[in-house]
């Protein structure tokens, strides 16, 4: 266990993980309006970048931060894809359904099929590059377990990598984030237009 630069102390009677009051500089907001796939994805995206930046600035943290940082990146991808699928389902079927599970390769394929219905050129070069990156992530972590557990349910080692260049990881993640965040804005715009259209139709037939 590594806890750097902390005075030794132990749990005391009355300690709680979650306290909802205190100074405003100490409080984080978990309002329900924030609890959407997109907002969760934004949070994991931010967390991953903060961790990587911390690891790059403090060499003693690098080997410890790499696991949660890559898990956060993978989880960002999963959540953003679910957000996009849900938005596209709303545009097409006025349904807020989304694809369940942790298989980001399947989520990516589902997204691409739905995205083709609104995008003039759904198979452009950026999509092909992201396709390769999704497959790379799946090879490293097919079930969202490789950076959370040292072994799988059968006791086999989950980790297939030995070294990771954190600066390259950060740059690639930022590039992927610009792609997905841009598509998310586009899908949100179409979903908003769909909502207005559905509302107008409903009002006209009341």
N, C-alpha and C. Protein backbone atom coordinates (compact mmCIF):
# COMPACT_ATOMS: atom_id res chain seq x y z
N UNK A 1 0.85 -1.20 0.00
CA UNK A 1 0.00 0.00 0.00
C UNK A 1 0.88 1.24 0.00
N UNK A 2 0.45 2.24 -0.76
CA UNK A 2 1.21 3.48 -0.83
C UNK A 2 0.28 4.65 -0.53
N UNK A 3 0.51 5.35 0.55
CA UNK A 3 -0.18 6.61 0.83
C UNK A 3 0.92 7.64 1.08
N UNK A 4 1.11 8.51 0.12
CA UNK A 4 2.24 9.43 0.17
C UNK A 4 1.92 10.68 0.96
N UNK A 5 2.90 11.09 1.78
CA UNK A 5 2.84 12.38 2.48
C UNK A 5 1.58 12.54 3.32
N UNK A 6 1.18 11.48 3.98
CA UNK A 6 0.02 11.55 4.87
C UNK A 6 0.43 11.14 6.28
N UNK A 7 -0.06 11.86 7.26
CA UNK A 7 0.13 11.47 8.66
C UNK A 7 -0.68 10.21 8.94
N UNK A 8 -0.08 9.27 9.65
CA UNK A 8 -0.78 8.01 9.95
C UNK A 8 -1.97 8.29 10.86
N UNK A 9 -3.14 7.76 10.50
CA UNK A 9 -4.34 7.87 11.31
C UNK A 9 -5.27 6.72 10.94
N UNK A 10 -6.23 6.42 11.83
CA UNK A 10 -7.09 5.24 11.66
C UNK A 10 -8.55 5.63 11.80
N UNK A 11 -9.47 4.77 11.30
CA UNK A 11 -10.90 5.09 11.41
C UNK A 11 -11.31 5.32 12.87
N UNK A 12 -12.21 6.28 13.05
CA UNK A 12 -12.71 6.62 14.37
C UNK A 12 -14.22 6.46 14.40
N UNK A 13 -14.75 6.25 15.58
CA UNK A 13 -16.18 6.13 15.76
C UNK A 13 -16.88 7.37 15.19
N UNK A 14 -17.91 7.15 14.40
CA UNK A 14 -18.64 8.25 13.81
C UNK A 14 -18.16 8.63 12.42
N UNK A 15 -17.05 8.07 11.96
CA UNK A 15 -16.59 8.37 10.60
C UNK A 15 -17.62 7.90 9.58
N UNK A 16 -17.77 8.67 8.50
CA UNK A 16 -18.67 8.32 7.40
C UNK A 16 -17.97 8.65 6.08
N UNK A 17 -18.24 7.85 5.07
CA UNK A 17 -17.72 8.18 3.75
C UNK A 17 -18.45 9.38 3.16
N UNK A 18 -19.75 9.45 3.36
CA UNK A 18 -20.57 10.44 2.66
C UNK A 18 -21.23 11.39 3.65
N UNK A 19 -20.80 12.65 3.61
CA UNK A 19 -21.37 13.71 4.43
C UNK A 19 -21.85 14.80 3.46
N UNK A 20 -23.09 15.25 3.61
CA UNK A 20 -23.68 16.16 2.62
C UNK A 20 -23.63 17.63 3.02
N UNK A 21 -22.91 17.94 4.09
CA UNK A 21 -22.81 19.34 4.49
C UNK A 21 -21.34 19.69 4.72
N UNK A 22 -21.05 20.97 4.78
CA UNK A 22 -19.69 21.44 5.00
C UNK A 22 -19.47 22.74 4.27
N UNK A 23 -18.22 23.21 4.26
CA UNK A 23 -17.90 24.46 3.57
C UNK A 23 -18.12 24.29 2.08
N UNK A 24 -18.56 25.34 1.42
CA UNK A 24 -18.89 25.26 0.00
C UNK A 24 -17.71 24.82 -0.86
N UNK A 25 -16.48 25.09 -0.42
CA UNK A 25 -15.30 24.68 -1.18
C UNK A 25 -15.03 23.18 -1.07
N UNK A 26 -15.76 22.49 -0.19
CA UNK A 26 -15.55 21.07 0.02
C UNK A 26 -16.64 20.20 -0.61
N UNK A 27 -17.70 20.83 -1.10
CA UNK A 27 -18.88 20.08 -1.51
C UNK A 27 -18.92 19.88 -3.03
N UNK A 28 -19.14 18.64 -3.44
CA UNK A 28 -19.38 18.31 -4.86
C UNK A 28 -20.87 18.04 -5.04
N UNK A 29 -21.39 18.46 -6.19
CA UNK A 29 -22.83 18.40 -6.46
C UNK A 29 -23.18 17.16 -7.26
N UNK A 30 -24.09 16.35 -6.73
CA UNK A 30 -24.57 15.15 -7.43
C UNK A 30 -26.06 15.28 -7.72
N UNK A 31 -26.47 16.46 -8.19
CA UNK A 31 -27.88 16.68 -8.48
C UNK A 31 -28.35 15.74 -9.58
N UNK A 32 -29.60 15.29 -9.49
CA UNK A 32 -30.10 14.28 -10.42
C UNK A 32 -30.13 14.76 -11.87
N UNK A 33 -30.25 16.07 -12.08
CA UNK A 33 -30.23 16.54 -13.47
C UNK A 33 -28.86 16.31 -14.11
N UNK A 34 -27.85 16.10 -13.27
CA UNK A 34 -26.50 15.85 -13.75
C UNK A 34 -26.29 14.38 -14.07
N UNK A 35 -27.18 13.53 -13.61
CA UNK A 35 -26.98 12.09 -13.72
C UNK A 35 -27.49 11.55 -15.05
N UNK A 36 -26.83 11.91 -16.12
CA UNK A 36 -27.10 11.41 -17.45
C UNK A 36 -25.80 10.80 -17.98
N UNK A 37 -25.92 9.95 -19.00
CA UNK A 37 -24.73 9.30 -19.54
C UNK A 37 -23.67 10.31 -19.94
N UNK A 38 -24.08 11.39 -20.60
CA UNK A 38 -23.12 12.37 -21.07
C UNK A 38 -22.36 13.04 -19.94
N UNK A 39 -23.08 13.39 -18.89
CA UNK A 39 -22.43 14.04 -17.75
C UNK A 39 -21.50 13.08 -17.01
N UNK A 40 -21.91 11.83 -16.90
CA UNK A 40 -21.03 10.83 -16.30
C UNK A 40 -19.77 10.66 -17.16
N UNK A 41 -19.96 10.60 -18.49
CA UNK A 41 -18.81 10.47 -19.38
C UNK A 41 -17.86 11.65 -19.21
N UNK A 42 -18.41 12.86 -19.12
CA UNK A 42 -17.57 14.04 -18.91
C UNK A 42 -16.74 13.90 -17.63
N UNK A 43 -17.36 13.36 -16.59
CA UNK A 43 -16.68 13.22 -15.30
C UNK A 43 -15.52 12.23 -15.39
N UNK A 44 -15.75 11.10 -16.03
CA UNK A 44 -14.68 10.10 -16.17
C UNK A 44 -13.58 10.62 -17.09
N UNK A 45 -13.96 11.36 -18.11
CA UNK A 45 -12.98 11.97 -19.01
C UNK A 45 -12.07 12.91 -18.22
N UNK A 46 -12.67 13.78 -17.43
CA UNK A 46 -11.91 14.74 -16.63
C UNK A 46 -11.02 14.01 -15.62
N UNK A 47 -11.58 12.99 -14.96
CA UNK A 47 -10.81 12.23 -13.98
C UNK A 47 -9.59 11.58 -14.59
N UNK A 48 -9.74 11.00 -15.78
CA UNK A 48 -8.62 10.35 -16.44
C UNK A 48 -7.50 11.35 -16.74
N UNK A 49 -7.87 12.52 -17.27
CA UNK A 49 -6.87 13.52 -17.62
C UNK A 49 -6.17 14.07 -16.38
N UNK A 50 -6.92 14.28 -15.31
CA UNK A 50 -6.31 14.78 -14.07
C UNK A 50 -5.32 13.76 -13.53
N UNK A 51 -5.68 12.48 -13.56
CA UNK A 51 -4.78 11.44 -13.07
C UNK A 51 -3.51 11.35 -13.92
N UNK A 52 -3.67 11.37 -15.24
CA UNK A 52 -2.50 11.27 -16.11
C UNK A 52 -1.58 12.48 -15.92
N UNK A 53 -2.16 13.66 -15.83
CA UNK A 53 -1.35 14.86 -15.61
C UNK A 53 -0.59 14.78 -14.28
N UNK A 54 -1.26 14.24 -13.27
CA UNK A 54 -0.62 14.07 -11.97
C UNK A 54 0.54 13.08 -12.07
N UNK A 55 0.32 11.99 -12.80
CA UNK A 55 1.36 10.98 -12.96
C UNK A 55 2.56 11.52 -13.74
N UNK A 56 2.30 12.34 -14.75
CA UNK A 56 3.38 12.90 -15.55
C UNK A 56 4.21 13.91 -14.75
N UNK A 57 3.59 14.54 -13.77
CA UNK A 57 4.31 15.54 -12.97
C UNK A 57 4.99 14.94 -11.75
N UNK A 58 4.59 13.73 -11.37
CA UNK A 58 5.17 13.08 -10.17
C UNK A 58 5.55 11.65 -10.52
N UNK A 59 6.83 11.45 -10.77
CA UNK A 59 7.29 10.15 -11.25
C UNK A 59 6.95 9.02 -10.29
N UNK A 60 6.92 9.32 -9.00
CA UNK A 60 6.66 8.26 -8.02
C UNK A 60 5.23 7.73 -8.08
N UNK A 61 4.33 8.47 -8.77
CA UNK A 61 2.92 8.05 -8.86
C UNK A 61 2.61 7.25 -10.12
N UNK A 62 3.51 7.24 -11.08
CA UNK A 62 3.16 6.75 -12.42
C UNK A 62 2.67 5.31 -12.43
N UNK A 63 3.38 4.44 -11.74
CA UNK A 63 3.02 3.02 -11.79
C UNK A 63 1.73 2.72 -11.04
N UNK A 64 1.26 3.65 -10.22
CA UNK A 64 0.02 3.44 -9.47
C UNK A 64 -1.18 4.07 -10.18
N UNK A 65 -0.96 5.18 -10.81
CA UNK A 65 -2.06 5.92 -11.44
C UNK A 65 -2.49 5.29 -12.76
N UNK A 66 -1.61 4.56 -13.41
CA UNK A 66 -1.90 4.05 -14.74
C UNK A 66 -3.15 3.15 -14.76
N UNK A 67 -3.35 2.33 -13.72
CA UNK A 67 -4.52 1.44 -13.71
C UNK A 67 -5.84 2.21 -13.67
N UNK A 68 -6.06 3.07 -12.67
CA UNK A 68 -7.33 3.80 -12.67
C UNK A 68 -7.49 4.73 -13.86
N UNK A 69 -6.40 5.30 -14.36
CA UNK A 69 -6.50 6.22 -15.50
C UNK A 69 -7.03 5.50 -16.73
N UNK A 70 -6.48 4.33 -17.03
CA UNK A 70 -6.94 3.60 -18.22
C UNK A 70 -8.35 3.08 -18.01
N UNK A 71 -8.68 2.65 -16.78
CA UNK A 71 -10.06 2.24 -16.53
C UNK A 71 -11.02 3.40 -16.79
N UNK A 72 -10.68 4.60 -16.34
CA UNK A 72 -11.54 5.76 -16.56
C UNK A 72 -11.70 6.07 -18.04
N UNK A 73 -10.63 5.91 -18.80
CA UNK A 73 -10.71 6.13 -20.26
C UNK A 73 -11.66 5.13 -20.89
N UNK A 74 -11.51 3.87 -20.53
CA UNK A 74 -12.39 2.85 -21.10
C UNK A 74 -13.84 3.09 -20.70
N UNK A 75 -14.04 3.49 -19.46
CA UNK A 75 -15.41 3.73 -19.00
C UNK A 75 -16.01 4.95 -19.67
N UNK A 76 -15.18 5.96 -19.92
CA UNK A 76 -15.64 7.12 -20.70
C UNK A 76 -16.17 6.65 -22.05
N UNK A 77 -15.41 5.81 -22.74
CA UNK A 77 -15.83 5.32 -24.05
C UNK A 77 -17.17 4.61 -23.97
N UNK A 78 -17.31 3.76 -22.96
CA UNK A 78 -18.58 3.02 -22.79
C UNK A 78 -19.75 3.97 -22.55
N UNK A 79 -19.57 4.92 -21.67
CA UNK A 79 -20.66 5.83 -21.33
C UNK A 79 -21.00 6.77 -22.49
N UNK A 80 -19.98 7.26 -23.20
CA UNK A 80 -20.25 8.15 -24.32
C UNK A 80 -20.99 7.41 -25.42
N UNK A 81 -20.61 6.16 -25.68
CA UNK A 81 -21.30 5.37 -26.71
C UNK A 81 -22.74 5.12 -26.31
N UNK A 82 -22.99 4.84 -25.04
CA UNK A 82 -24.37 4.63 -24.59
C UNK A 82 -25.18 5.93 -24.71
N UNK A 83 -24.54 7.05 -24.42
CA UNK A 83 -25.21 8.34 -24.60
C UNK A 83 -25.60 8.55 -26.06
N UNK A 84 -24.67 8.27 -26.96
CA UNK A 84 -24.91 8.48 -28.39
C UNK A 84 -26.00 7.54 -28.91
N UNK A 85 -25.96 6.29 -28.49
CA UNK A 85 -26.97 5.31 -28.92
C UNK A 85 -28.35 5.73 -28.42
N UNK A 86 -28.42 6.18 -27.17
CA UNK A 86 -29.69 6.63 -26.62
C UNK A 86 -30.22 7.84 -27.39
N UNK A 87 -29.33 8.78 -27.71
CA UNK A 87 -29.75 9.96 -28.46
C UNK A 87 -30.22 9.62 -29.86
N UNK A 88 -29.51 8.73 -30.53
CA UNK A 88 -29.90 8.32 -31.88
C UNK A 88 -31.20 7.53 -31.87
N UNK A 89 -31.39 6.70 -30.83
CA UNK A 89 -32.67 5.98 -30.70
C UNK A 89 -33.83 6.96 -30.54
N UNK A 90 -33.58 8.04 -29.82
CA UNK A 90 -34.64 9.03 -29.66
C UNK A 90 -34.94 9.71 -30.99
N UNK A 91 -33.89 10.03 -31.75
CA UNK A 91 -34.10 10.67 -33.05
C UNK A 91 -34.89 9.76 -34.00
N UNK A 92 -34.63 8.48 -33.96
CA UNK A 92 -35.23 7.54 -34.91
C UNK A 92 -36.58 7.00 -34.45
N UNK A 93 -36.68 6.70 -33.13
CA UNK A 93 -37.86 5.98 -32.64
C UNK A 93 -38.53 6.66 -31.46
N UNK A 94 -38.04 7.84 -31.08
CA UNK A 94 -38.52 8.53 -29.88
C UNK A 94 -38.46 7.62 -28.66
N UNK A 95 -37.43 6.81 -28.61
CA UNK A 95 -37.19 5.89 -27.50
C UNK A 95 -35.90 6.30 -26.80
N UNK A 96 -35.87 6.16 -25.50
CA UNK A 96 -34.66 6.49 -24.75
C UNK A 96 -33.90 5.22 -24.36
N UNK A 97 -34.14 4.15 -25.09
CA UNK A 97 -33.43 2.89 -24.85
C UNK A 97 -31.95 3.06 -25.20
N UNK A 98 -31.11 2.27 -24.55
CA UNK A 98 -29.69 2.24 -24.86
C UNK A 98 -29.20 0.80 -24.74
N UNK A 99 -28.11 0.52 -25.41
CA UNK A 99 -27.54 -0.83 -25.40
C UNK A 99 -26.83 -1.07 -24.07
N UNK A 100 -27.14 -2.18 -23.43
CA UNK A 100 -26.56 -2.48 -22.12
C UNK A 100 -25.30 -3.33 -22.27
N UNK A 101 -24.57 -3.47 -21.18
CA UNK A 101 -23.36 -4.28 -21.18
C UNK A 101 -22.10 -3.44 -21.30
N UNK A 102 -20.95 -4.11 -21.16
CA UNK A 102 -19.65 -3.43 -21.15
C UNK A 102 -18.85 -3.64 -22.43
N UNK A 103 -19.44 -4.31 -23.41
CA UNK A 103 -18.71 -4.65 -24.64
C UNK A 103 -18.65 -3.42 -25.55
N UNK A 104 -17.54 -2.68 -25.48
CA UNK A 104 -17.49 -1.42 -26.24
C UNK A 104 -17.37 -1.66 -27.74
N UNK A 105 -16.89 -2.82 -28.15
CA UNK A 105 -16.85 -3.12 -29.58
C UNK A 105 -18.27 -3.26 -30.12
N UNK A 106 -19.13 -3.93 -29.36
CA UNK A 106 -20.54 -4.06 -29.76
C UNK A 106 -21.24 -2.71 -29.69
N UNK A 107 -20.96 -1.93 -28.65
CA UNK A 107 -21.54 -0.59 -28.54
C UNK A 107 -21.13 0.28 -29.72
N UNK A 108 -19.87 0.20 -30.09
CA UNK A 108 -19.36 0.97 -31.21
C UNK A 108 -20.05 0.58 -32.52
N UNK A 109 -20.22 -0.73 -32.73
CA UNK A 109 -20.90 -1.21 -33.94
C UNK A 109 -22.36 -0.75 -33.97
N UNK A 110 -23.01 -0.80 -32.80
CA UNK A 110 -24.41 -0.35 -32.71
C UNK A 110 -24.51 1.14 -33.01
N UNK A 111 -23.58 1.90 -32.45
CA UNK A 111 -23.55 3.34 -32.71
C UNK A 111 -23.37 3.63 -34.20
N UNK A 112 -22.41 2.97 -34.83
CA UNK A 112 -22.12 3.24 -36.25
C UNK A 112 -23.34 2.97 -37.13
N UNK A 113 -24.06 1.89 -36.84
CA UNK A 113 -25.26 1.57 -37.62
C UNK A 113 -26.31 2.67 -37.47
N UNK A 114 -26.52 3.11 -36.23
CA UNK A 114 -27.53 4.16 -35.99
C UNK A 114 -27.07 5.50 -36.54
N UNK A 115 -25.78 5.78 -36.44
CA UNK A 115 -25.23 7.07 -36.89
C UNK A 115 -25.34 7.23 -38.40
N UNK A 116 -25.26 6.10 -39.10
CA UNK A 116 -25.34 6.14 -40.57
C UNK A 116 -26.66 6.72 -41.05
N UNK A 117 -27.69 6.68 -40.20
CA UNK A 117 -29.00 7.19 -40.61
C UNK A 117 -29.08 8.71 -40.59
N UNK A 118 -28.15 9.37 -39.91
CA UNK A 118 -28.21 10.84 -39.83
C UNK A 118 -26.97 11.51 -40.43
N UNK A 119 -25.94 10.74 -40.71
CA UNK A 119 -24.68 11.32 -41.16
C UNK A 119 -24.46 11.01 -42.64
N UNK A 120 -24.13 12.03 -43.42
CA UNK A 120 -23.93 11.85 -44.86
C UNK A 120 -22.73 10.95 -45.17
N UNK A 121 -21.67 11.07 -44.34
CA UNK A 121 -20.45 10.29 -44.59
C UNK A 121 -20.01 9.60 -43.31
N UNK A 122 -20.75 8.54 -42.89
CA UNK A 122 -20.49 7.93 -41.58
C UNK A 122 -19.20 7.12 -41.53
N UNK A 123 -18.57 6.87 -42.67
CA UNK A 123 -17.37 6.05 -42.70
C UNK A 123 -16.15 6.85 -43.13
N UNK A 124 -16.07 8.10 -42.70
CA UNK A 124 -14.93 8.92 -43.08
C UNK A 124 -13.67 8.47 -42.35
N UNK A 125 -12.56 9.13 -42.63
CA UNK A 125 -11.27 8.69 -42.11
C UNK A 125 -11.22 8.72 -40.58
N UNK A 126 -11.86 9.71 -39.96
CA UNK A 126 -11.85 9.79 -38.50
C UNK A 126 -12.51 8.56 -37.89
N UNK A 127 -13.62 8.13 -38.48
CA UNK A 127 -14.33 6.95 -37.98
C UNK A 127 -13.45 5.71 -38.11
N UNK A 128 -12.73 5.60 -39.21
CA UNK A 128 -11.85 4.45 -39.40
C UNK A 128 -10.73 4.42 -38.37
N UNK A 129 -10.18 5.59 -38.06
CA UNK A 129 -9.13 5.66 -37.04
C UNK A 129 -9.67 5.27 -35.67
N UNK A 130 -10.83 5.82 -35.32
CA UNK A 130 -11.44 5.48 -34.03
C UNK A 130 -11.79 4.00 -33.97
N UNK A 131 -12.19 3.44 -35.10
CA UNK A 131 -12.48 2.01 -35.17
C UNK A 131 -11.26 1.19 -34.75
N UNK A 132 -10.09 1.57 -35.24
CA UNK A 132 -8.86 0.85 -34.87
C UNK A 132 -8.54 1.04 -33.39
N UNK A 133 -8.79 2.24 -32.87
CA UNK A 133 -8.49 2.50 -31.46
C UNK A 133 -9.44 1.75 -30.53
N UNK A 134 -10.71 1.64 -30.92
CA UNK A 134 -11.66 0.86 -30.13
C UNK A 134 -11.21 -0.60 -30.08
N UNK A 135 -10.79 -1.13 -31.22
CA UNK A 135 -10.33 -2.53 -31.27
C UNK A 135 -9.08 -2.72 -30.43
N UNK A 136 -8.21 -1.71 -30.42
CA UNK A 136 -7.01 -1.79 -29.58
C UNK A 136 -7.39 -1.84 -28.10
N UNK A 137 -8.34 -0.99 -27.69
CA UNK A 137 -8.79 -1.00 -26.30
C UNK A 137 -9.43 -2.34 -25.94
N UNK A 138 -10.20 -2.89 -26.84
CA UNK A 138 -10.86 -4.18 -26.59
C UNK A 138 -9.82 -5.29 -26.43
N UNK A 139 -8.77 -5.26 -27.24
CA UNK A 139 -7.71 -6.28 -27.09
C UNK A 139 -7.06 -6.17 -25.72
N UNK A 140 -6.85 -4.95 -25.24
CA UNK A 140 -6.21 -4.75 -23.94
C UNK A 140 -7.16 -5.05 -22.79
N UNK A 141 -8.46 -4.78 -23.00
CA UNK A 141 -9.43 -4.90 -21.90
C UNK A 141 -10.80 -5.25 -22.46
N UNK A 142 -11.03 -6.51 -22.81
CA UNK A 142 -12.28 -6.89 -23.48
C UNK A 142 -13.53 -6.79 -22.62
N UNK A 143 -13.40 -6.93 -21.30
CA UNK A 143 -14.60 -7.01 -20.45
C UNK A 143 -14.64 -5.94 -19.37
N UNK A 144 -13.84 -4.92 -19.49
CA UNK A 144 -13.77 -3.86 -18.48
C UNK A 144 -13.25 -4.38 -17.14
N UNK A 145 -12.37 -5.37 -17.18
CA UNK A 145 -11.83 -5.94 -15.95
C UNK A 145 -10.31 -5.80 -15.84
N UNK A 146 -9.62 -5.64 -16.96
CA UNK A 146 -8.16 -5.72 -16.96
C UNK A 146 -7.49 -4.65 -16.10
N UNK A 147 -8.13 -3.50 -15.94
CA UNK A 147 -7.53 -2.43 -15.14
C UNK A 147 -8.25 -2.25 -13.81
N UNK A 148 -9.14 -3.21 -13.49
CA UNK A 148 -9.82 -3.21 -12.19
C UNK A 148 -9.40 -4.39 -11.32
N UNK A 149 -9.08 -5.52 -11.96
CA UNK A 149 -8.75 -6.74 -11.23
C UNK A 149 -7.48 -7.37 -11.80
N UNK A 150 -6.64 -7.99 -10.98
CA UNK A 150 -5.43 -8.63 -11.50
C UNK A 150 -5.71 -9.95 -12.20
N UNK A 151 -6.84 -10.60 -11.86
CA UNK A 151 -7.20 -11.87 -12.47
C UNK A 151 -8.68 -11.85 -12.84
N UNK A 152 -9.06 -12.74 -13.80
CA UNK A 152 -10.46 -12.83 -14.16
C UNK A 152 -11.16 -13.88 -13.29
N UNK A 153 -12.41 -14.21 -13.61
CA UNK A 153 -13.19 -15.13 -12.79
C UNK A 153 -12.62 -16.53 -12.79
N UNK A 154 -11.78 -16.84 -13.76
CA UNK A 154 -11.14 -18.16 -13.82
C UNK A 154 -9.74 -18.17 -13.23
N UNK A 155 -9.33 -17.02 -12.71
CA UNK A 155 -8.02 -16.93 -12.09
C UNK A 155 -6.89 -16.59 -13.05
N UNK A 156 -7.22 -16.36 -14.32
CA UNK A 156 -6.20 -16.01 -15.31
C UNK A 156 -5.84 -14.53 -15.21
N UNK A 157 -4.58 -14.20 -15.44
CA UNK A 157 -4.14 -12.81 -15.39
C UNK A 157 -4.89 -11.98 -16.43
N UNK A 158 -5.37 -10.82 -16.03
CA UNK A 158 -6.11 -9.96 -16.94
C UNK A 158 -5.18 -9.03 -17.72
N UNK A 159 -4.00 -8.73 -17.15
CA UNK A 159 -3.15 -7.70 -17.73
C UNK A 159 -2.31 -8.25 -18.87
N UNK A 160 -2.44 -7.61 -20.05
CA UNK A 160 -1.69 -8.04 -21.22
C UNK A 160 -0.59 -7.06 -21.59
N UNK A 161 -0.59 -5.89 -20.98
CA UNK A 161 0.42 -4.87 -21.28
C UNK A 161 1.52 -4.89 -20.23
N UNK A 162 2.70 -4.40 -20.60
CA UNK A 162 3.79 -4.28 -19.64
C UNK A 162 4.15 -2.83 -19.37
N UNK A 163 4.13 -2.02 -20.42
CA UNK A 163 4.45 -0.60 -20.28
C UNK A 163 3.43 0.23 -21.05
N UNK A 164 3.19 1.46 -20.57
CA UNK A 164 2.30 2.40 -21.26
C UNK A 164 2.96 3.77 -21.23
N UNK A 165 3.09 4.39 -22.40
CA UNK A 165 3.59 5.76 -22.48
C UNK A 165 2.44 6.69 -22.12
N UNK A 166 2.53 7.32 -20.96
CA UNK A 166 1.42 8.13 -20.47
C UNK A 166 1.17 9.38 -21.31
N UNK A 167 2.23 9.97 -21.83
CA UNK A 167 2.03 11.18 -22.64
C UNK A 167 1.31 10.83 -23.94
N UNK A 168 1.70 9.74 -24.55
CA UNK A 168 1.01 9.28 -25.76
C UNK A 168 -0.43 8.89 -25.44
N UNK A 169 -0.64 8.21 -24.30
CA UNK A 169 -1.99 7.83 -23.88
C UNK A 169 -2.88 9.07 -23.75
N UNK A 170 -2.34 10.10 -23.12
CA UNK A 170 -3.11 11.33 -22.92
C UNK A 170 -3.47 11.98 -24.26
N UNK A 171 -2.48 12.10 -25.14
CA UNK A 171 -2.72 12.76 -26.42
C UNK A 171 -3.75 11.99 -27.26
N UNK A 172 -3.61 10.68 -27.29
CA UNK A 172 -4.57 9.87 -28.06
C UNK A 172 -5.97 9.98 -27.47
N UNK A 173 -6.05 9.96 -26.14
CA UNK A 173 -7.36 10.08 -25.48
C UNK A 173 -8.00 11.43 -25.77
N UNK A 174 -7.22 12.50 -25.75
CA UNK A 174 -7.76 13.83 -26.05
C UNK A 174 -8.29 13.86 -27.48
N UNK A 175 -7.57 13.28 -28.41
CA UNK A 175 -8.02 13.27 -29.81
C UNK A 175 -9.33 12.50 -29.96
N UNK A 176 -9.39 11.34 -29.30
CA UNK A 176 -10.61 10.53 -29.34
C UNK A 176 -11.76 11.29 -28.69
N UNK A 177 -11.47 11.99 -27.61
CA UNK A 177 -12.50 12.75 -26.89
C UNK A 177 -13.07 13.85 -27.78
N UNK A 178 -12.22 14.54 -28.53
CA UNK A 178 -12.72 15.58 -29.44
C UNK A 178 -13.66 14.97 -30.48
N UNK A 179 -13.31 13.78 -30.96
CA UNK A 179 -14.19 13.11 -31.92
C UNK A 179 -15.54 12.80 -31.28
N UNK A 180 -15.53 12.09 -30.16
CA UNK A 180 -16.79 11.66 -29.55
C UNK A 180 -17.60 12.83 -29.00
N UNK A 181 -16.93 13.81 -28.41
CA UNK A 181 -17.66 14.95 -27.87
C UNK A 181 -18.31 15.76 -28.99
N UNK A 182 -17.63 15.85 -30.15
CA UNK A 182 -18.22 16.53 -31.29
C UNK A 182 -19.45 15.82 -31.81
N UNK A 183 -19.36 14.50 -31.92
CA UNK A 183 -20.52 13.72 -32.35
C UNK A 183 -21.66 13.85 -31.34
N UNK A 184 -21.31 13.87 -30.04
CA UNK A 184 -22.34 14.00 -29.00
C UNK A 184 -23.09 15.32 -29.14
N UNK A 185 -22.39 16.40 -29.45
CA UNK A 185 -23.06 17.69 -29.67
C UNK A 185 -23.99 17.62 -30.88
N UNK A 186 -23.52 16.95 -31.93
CA UNK A 186 -24.34 16.80 -33.13
C UNK A 186 -25.61 16.00 -32.84
N UNK A 187 -25.45 14.88 -32.16
CA UNK A 187 -26.60 14.03 -31.84
C UNK A 187 -27.55 14.76 -30.90
N UNK A 188 -27.01 15.50 -29.92
CA UNK A 188 -27.86 16.26 -29.00
C UNK A 188 -28.68 17.29 -29.76
N UNK A 189 -28.06 17.91 -30.78
CA UNK A 189 -28.78 18.90 -31.59
C UNK A 189 -29.93 18.23 -32.34
N UNK A 190 -29.68 17.09 -32.95
CA UNK A 190 -30.73 16.38 -33.68
C UNK A 190 -31.83 15.91 -32.72
N UNK A 191 -31.45 15.46 -31.53
CA UNK A 191 -32.44 15.01 -30.55
C UNK A 191 -33.32 16.17 -30.10
N UNK A 192 -32.70 17.34 -29.96
CA UNK A 192 -33.47 18.53 -29.57
C UNK A 192 -34.46 18.91 -30.66
N UNK A 193 -34.02 18.84 -31.91
CA UNK A 193 -34.91 19.13 -33.03
C UNK A 193 -36.06 18.12 -33.09
N UNK A 194 -35.74 16.86 -32.82
CA UNK A 194 -36.77 15.82 -32.81
C UNK A 194 -37.78 16.08 -31.71
N UNK A 195 -37.30 16.49 -30.55
CA UNK A 195 -38.19 16.76 -29.42
C UNK A 195 -39.15 17.90 -29.76
N UNK A 196 -38.65 18.95 -30.40
CA UNK A 196 -39.49 20.08 -30.80
C UNK A 196 -40.54 19.63 -31.82
N UNK A 197 -40.10 18.82 -32.78
CA UNK A 197 -41.02 18.33 -33.81
C UNK A 197 -42.11 17.46 -33.20
N UNK A 198 -41.74 16.56 -32.30
CA UNK A 198 -42.73 15.69 -31.65
C UNK A 198 -43.70 16.52 -30.83
N UNK A 199 -43.18 17.54 -30.14
CA UNK A 199 -44.04 18.41 -29.33
C UNK A 199 -45.04 19.15 -30.22
N UNK A 200 -44.56 19.66 -31.37
CA UNK A 200 -45.44 20.40 -32.28
C UNK A 200 -46.53 19.49 -32.85
N UNK A 201 -46.15 18.26 -33.19
CA UNK A 201 -47.14 17.31 -33.71
C UNK A 201 -48.19 17.02 -32.65
N UNK A 202 -47.73 16.81 -31.43
CA UNK A 202 -48.66 16.52 -30.33
C UNK A 202 -49.62 17.70 -30.11
N UNK A 203 -49.08 18.91 -30.14
CA UNK A 203 -49.92 20.08 -29.92
C UNK A 203 -50.94 20.25 -31.03
N UNK A 204 -50.56 19.94 -32.27
CA UNK A 204 -51.47 20.10 -33.41
C UNK A 204 -52.62 19.09 -33.39
N UNK A 205 -52.38 17.95 -32.72
CA UNK A 205 -53.41 16.92 -32.73
C UNK A 205 -54.17 16.83 -31.40
N UNK A 206 -53.93 17.78 -30.52
CA UNK A 206 -54.65 17.77 -29.24
C UNK A 206 -56.13 18.14 -29.47
